[in-house]
Amino acid sequence: VATVELQPHRLEWLDRLEGPVSGGRGFARRIDTGTYESAVVSDDGASAVPSLHVELRGRMLAGRLRLEPGPDGRATLASLDAARRRPAAGRDV
């Protein structure tokens, strides 16, 4: 899975669950909330290029993913070890 770099988001979106995107560019809805930790890791020497390891701790998605540079220089999802959780009844996500 290739990634696409986005411009930084306005902090006001942290307090919204959903809403229209400015400039008539569509509609956004938050589907999860939580925390993450990331670390740049150099492998055992087999690859000179480090990868980015991310630990997700959301209400609906938790687990680890690893991003590595692809042939075109963009980040590529190299592995995903994640579990999808179901929110408790009556909870907004």
N, C-alpha and C. Protein backbone atom coordinates (compact mmCIF):
# COMPACT_ATOMS: atom_id res chain seq x y z
N VAL A 1 0.85 -1.17 0.00
CA VAL A 1 0.00 0.00 0.00
C VAL A 1 0.89 1.23 0.00
N ALA A 2 0.79 2.05 -1.01
CA ALA A 2 1.57 3.29 -1.07
C ALA A 2 0.88 4.37 -0.25
N THR A 3 1.66 5.21 0.36
CA THR A 3 1.10 6.30 1.16
C THR A 3 1.14 7.60 0.37
N VAL A 4 0.33 8.56 0.78
CA VAL A 4 0.30 9.88 0.16
C VAL A 4 0.48 10.90 1.27
N GLU A 5 1.48 11.75 1.14
CA GLU A 5 1.72 12.78 2.14
C GLU A 5 0.66 13.86 2.04
N LEU A 6 0.10 14.24 3.19
CA LEU A 6 -0.91 15.28 3.26
C LEU A 6 -0.34 16.52 3.93
N GLN A 7 -0.94 17.65 3.66
CA GLN A 7 -0.57 18.87 4.35
C GLN A 7 -0.98 18.75 5.82
N PRO A 8 -0.32 19.45 6.73
CA PRO A 8 -0.73 19.41 8.14
C PRO A 8 -2.19 19.83 8.29
N HIS A 9 -2.88 19.16 9.20
CA HIS A 9 -4.29 19.48 9.45
C HIS A 9 -4.40 20.57 10.51
N ARG A 10 -5.47 21.33 10.41
CA ARG A 10 -5.72 22.36 11.43
C ARG A 10 -6.10 21.68 12.74
N LEU A 11 -5.61 22.22 13.85
CA LEU A 11 -5.85 21.62 15.16
C LEU A 11 -7.33 21.62 15.54
N GLU A 12 -8.13 22.49 14.92
CA GLU A 12 -9.56 22.52 15.25
C GLU A 12 -10.24 21.19 14.93
N TRP A 13 -9.67 20.39 14.05
CA TRP A 13 -10.26 19.09 13.72
C TRP A 13 -10.14 18.11 14.87
N LEU A 14 -9.26 18.34 15.83
CA LEU A 14 -9.14 17.43 16.97
C LEU A 14 -10.41 17.41 17.81
N ASP A 15 -11.18 18.48 17.80
CA ASP A 15 -12.40 18.57 18.60
C ASP A 15 -13.66 18.23 17.81
N ARG A 16 -13.55 17.89 16.54
CA ARG A 16 -14.72 17.60 15.70
C ARG A 16 -14.86 16.11 15.47
N LEU A 17 -16.10 15.67 15.36
CA LEU A 17 -16.36 14.29 14.96
C LEU A 17 -16.54 14.18 13.46
N GLU A 18 -17.13 15.23 12.85
CA GLU A 18 -17.33 15.23 11.41
C GLU A 18 -17.67 16.63 10.94
N GLY A 19 -17.53 16.85 9.64
CA GLY A 19 -17.87 18.15 9.08
C GLY A 19 -17.36 18.31 7.66
N PRO A 20 -17.86 19.34 6.99
CA PRO A 20 -17.41 19.60 5.62
C PRO A 20 -15.97 20.12 5.61
N VAL A 21 -15.26 19.77 4.55
CA VAL A 21 -13.89 20.25 4.36
C VAL A 21 -13.96 21.57 3.60
N SER A 22 -13.15 22.53 3.99
CA SER A 22 -13.19 23.85 3.38
C SER A 22 -12.95 23.79 1.87
N GLY A 23 -13.45 24.76 1.17
CA GLY A 23 -13.24 24.85 -0.28
C GLY A 23 -14.08 23.85 -1.07
N GLY A 24 -15.13 23.31 -0.44
CA GLY A 24 -15.98 22.36 -1.13
C GLY A 24 -15.28 21.06 -1.51
N ARG A 25 -14.25 20.67 -0.72
CA ARG A 25 -13.45 19.50 -1.05
C ARG A 25 -13.97 18.20 -0.44
N GLY A 26 -15.20 18.20 0.05
CA GLY A 26 -15.75 16.94 0.57
C GLY A 26 -16.15 17.03 2.02
N PHE A 27 -16.19 15.87 2.65
CA PHE A 27 -16.68 15.72 4.01
C PHE A 27 -15.73 14.80 4.75
N ALA A 28 -15.43 15.09 6.01
CA ALA A 28 -14.52 14.26 6.80
C ALA A 28 -15.25 13.76 8.05
N ARG A 29 -14.95 12.52 8.42
CA ARG A 29 -15.53 11.93 9.62
C ARG A 29 -14.42 11.19 10.36
N ARG A 30 -14.32 11.46 11.65
CA ARG A 30 -13.34 10.75 12.48
C ARG A 30 -13.89 9.36 12.77
N ILE A 31 -13.09 8.34 12.51
CA ILE A 31 -13.55 6.98 12.76
C ILE A 31 -12.87 6.35 13.97
N ASP A 32 -11.85 6.98 14.50
CA ASP A 32 -11.17 6.43 15.67
C ASP A 32 -10.46 7.55 16.40
N THR A 33 -10.10 7.28 17.63
CA THR A 33 -9.32 8.20 18.42
C THR A 33 -8.41 7.37 19.32
N GLY A 34 -7.25 7.88 19.64
CA GLY A 34 -6.32 7.14 20.48
C GLY A 34 -4.95 7.76 20.47
N THR A 35 -3.96 6.97 20.78
CA THR A 35 -2.58 7.44 20.81
C THR A 35 -1.70 6.54 19.94
N TYR A 36 -0.48 6.99 19.71
CA TYR A 36 0.48 6.19 18.96
C TYR A 36 1.88 6.51 19.44
N GLU A 37 2.80 5.60 19.20
CA GLU A 37 4.23 5.82 19.41
C GLU A 37 4.92 5.38 18.15
N SER A 38 5.96 6.10 17.78
CA SER A 38 6.70 5.72 16.57
C SER A 38 8.19 5.71 16.86
N ALA A 39 8.90 4.92 16.07
CA ALA A 39 10.35 4.84 16.19
C ALA A 39 10.95 4.51 14.84
N VAL A 40 12.07 5.13 14.51
CA VAL A 40 12.81 4.79 13.30
C VAL A 40 13.77 3.68 13.68
N VAL A 41 13.70 2.58 12.94
CA VAL A 41 14.47 1.39 13.27
C VAL A 41 15.34 0.98 12.09
N SER A 42 16.63 0.77 12.36
CA SER A 42 17.53 0.22 11.35
C SER A 42 17.55 -1.29 11.55
N ASP A 43 17.34 -2.04 10.48
CA ASP A 43 17.31 -3.50 10.57
C ASP A 43 18.70 -4.04 10.87
N ASP A 44 18.86 -5.32 10.81
CA ASP A 44 20.09 -6.00 11.20
C ASP A 44 21.25 -5.83 10.21
N GLY A 45 21.18 -4.82 9.36
CA GLY A 45 22.25 -4.59 8.41
C GLY A 45 21.93 -5.07 7.02
N ALA A 46 20.86 -5.83 6.88
CA ALA A 46 20.48 -6.31 5.55
C ALA A 46 20.03 -5.16 4.67
N SER A 47 19.51 -4.11 5.28
CA SER A 47 19.05 -2.95 4.53
C SER A 47 19.67 -1.70 5.11
N ALA A 48 20.21 -0.86 4.26
CA ALA A 48 20.81 0.39 4.73
C ALA A 48 19.76 1.45 5.01
N VAL A 49 18.51 1.19 4.62
CA VAL A 49 17.44 2.16 4.78
C VAL A 49 16.60 1.80 6.01
N PRO A 50 16.49 2.71 6.97
CA PRO A 50 15.67 2.42 8.15
C PRO A 50 14.18 2.41 7.82
N SER A 51 13.40 1.78 8.68
CA SER A 51 11.95 1.78 8.53
C SER A 51 11.32 2.49 9.72
N LEU A 52 10.07 2.88 9.57
CA LEU A 52 9.32 3.54 10.63
C LEU A 52 8.35 2.54 11.22
N HIS A 53 8.49 2.28 12.51
CA HIS A 53 7.58 1.37 13.22
C HIS A 53 6.61 2.23 14.04
N VAL A 54 5.32 1.92 13.95
CA VAL A 54 4.29 2.69 14.64
C VAL A 54 3.41 1.74 15.44
N GLU A 55 3.22 2.05 16.71
CA GLU A 55 2.32 1.30 17.60
C GLU A 55 1.05 2.13 17.76
N LEU A 56 -0.09 1.58 17.33
CA LEU A 56 -1.38 2.26 17.41
C LEU A 56 -2.15 1.77 18.62
N ARG A 57 -2.78 2.70 19.37
CA ARG A 57 -3.61 2.35 20.51
C ARG A 57 -4.92 3.14 20.43
N GLY A 58 -5.78 2.74 19.52
CA GLY A 58 -7.06 3.42 19.34
C GLY A 58 -8.19 2.65 19.98
N ARG A 59 -9.36 3.28 19.99
CA ARG A 59 -10.55 2.60 20.52
C ARG A 59 -11.02 1.52 19.56
N MET A 60 -10.80 1.69 18.25
CA MET A 60 -11.25 0.72 17.27
C MET A 60 -10.10 -0.04 16.61
N LEU A 61 -8.92 0.53 16.54
CA LEU A 61 -7.80 -0.11 15.87
C LEU A 61 -6.58 -0.04 16.78
N ALA A 62 -5.96 -1.19 16.99
CA ALA A 62 -4.75 -1.24 17.82
C ALA A 62 -3.79 -2.23 17.18
N GLY A 63 -2.52 -1.94 17.26
CA GLY A 63 -1.53 -2.86 16.72
C GLY A 63 -0.30 -2.13 16.24
N ARG A 64 0.51 -2.83 15.43
CA ARG A 64 1.76 -2.27 14.92
C ARG A 64 1.75 -2.26 13.40
N LEU A 65 2.40 -1.24 12.85
CA LEU A 65 2.62 -1.22 11.41
C LEU A 65 4.05 -0.77 11.15
N ARG A 66 4.55 -1.15 9.97
CA ARG A 66 5.92 -0.78 9.58
C ARG A 66 5.87 -0.16 8.20
N LEU A 67 6.46 1.03 8.08
CA LEU A 67 6.55 1.74 6.81
C LEU A 67 8.00 1.74 6.35
N GLU A 68 8.20 1.47 5.06
CA GLU A 68 9.54 1.49 4.47
C GLU A 68 9.50 2.31 3.19
N PRO A 69 10.64 2.90 2.80
CA PRO A 69 10.67 3.63 1.53
C PRO A 69 10.47 2.67 0.37
N GLY A 70 9.60 3.04 -0.56
CA GLY A 70 9.39 2.25 -1.76
C GLY A 70 10.38 2.64 -2.85
N PRO A 71 10.32 2.01 -4.00
CA PRO A 71 11.25 2.30 -5.09
C PRO A 71 11.18 3.74 -5.59
N ASP A 72 10.01 4.36 -5.42
CA ASP A 72 9.85 5.75 -5.87
C ASP A 72 10.15 6.76 -4.77
N GLY A 73 10.60 6.26 -3.59
CA GLY A 73 10.93 7.15 -2.48
C GLY A 73 9.77 7.42 -1.54
N ARG A 74 8.55 7.06 -1.92
CA ARG A 74 7.39 7.23 -1.04
C ARG A 74 7.34 6.11 -0.03
N ALA A 75 6.74 6.40 1.10
CA ALA A 75 6.60 5.37 2.13
C ALA A 75 5.61 4.31 1.67
N THR A 76 5.92 3.07 1.98
CA THR A 76 5.09 1.93 1.62
C THR A 76 4.81 1.12 2.87
N LEU A 77 3.56 0.68 3.04
CA LEU A 77 3.20 -0.16 4.17
C LEU A 77 3.82 -1.53 3.96
N ALA A 78 4.80 -1.87 4.81
CA ALA A 78 5.52 -3.13 4.65
C ALA A 78 4.87 -4.25 5.45
N SER A 79 4.30 -3.94 6.60
CA SER A 79 3.62 -4.97 7.39
C SER A 79 2.61 -4.31 8.32
N LEU A 80 1.62 -5.09 8.68
CA LEU A 80 0.56 -4.61 9.56
C LEU A 80 0.15 -5.75 10.47
N ASP A 81 0.26 -5.52 11.76
CA ASP A 81 -0.17 -6.49 12.77
C ASP A 81 -1.15 -5.74 13.65
N ALA A 82 -2.41 -5.72 13.24
CA ALA A 82 -3.40 -4.90 13.93
C ALA A 82 -4.67 -5.68 14.15
N ALA A 83 -5.37 -5.32 15.20
CA ALA A 83 -6.67 -5.91 15.49
C ALA A 83 -7.71 -4.81 15.46
N ARG A 84 -8.80 -5.08 14.80
CA ARG A 84 -9.90 -4.12 14.75
C ARG A 84 -10.83 -4.43 15.92
N ARG A 85 -11.11 -3.42 16.70
CA ARG A 85 -11.99 -3.57 17.85
C ARG A 85 -13.36 -3.00 17.52
N ARG A 86 -14.37 -3.46 18.20
CA ARG A 86 -15.71 -2.89 18.04
C ARG A 86 -15.95 -1.95 19.22
N PRO A 87 -16.46 -0.75 18.96
CA PRO A 87 -16.74 0.18 20.06
C PRO A 87 -17.88 -0.35 20.92
N ALA A 88 -17.89 0.05 22.18
CA ALA A 88 -18.98 -0.33 23.08
C ALA A 88 -20.29 0.27 22.57
N ALA A 89 -21.38 -0.39 22.84
CA ALA A 89 -22.69 0.07 22.37
C ALA A 89 -22.96 1.49 22.84
N GLY A 90 -23.46 2.31 21.94
CA GLY A 90 -23.81 3.68 22.28
C GLY A 90 -22.66 4.65 22.25
N ARG A 91 -21.46 4.23 21.91
CA ARG A 91 -20.31 5.13 21.87
C ARG A 91 -20.15 5.73 20.49
N ASP A 92 -19.87 7.00 20.44
CA ASP A 92 -19.55 7.65 19.17
C ASP A 92 -18.11 7.36 18.83
N VAL A 93 -17.84 7.21 17.54
CA VAL A 93 -16.46 7.03 17.10
C VAL A 93 -16.17 7.98 15.97
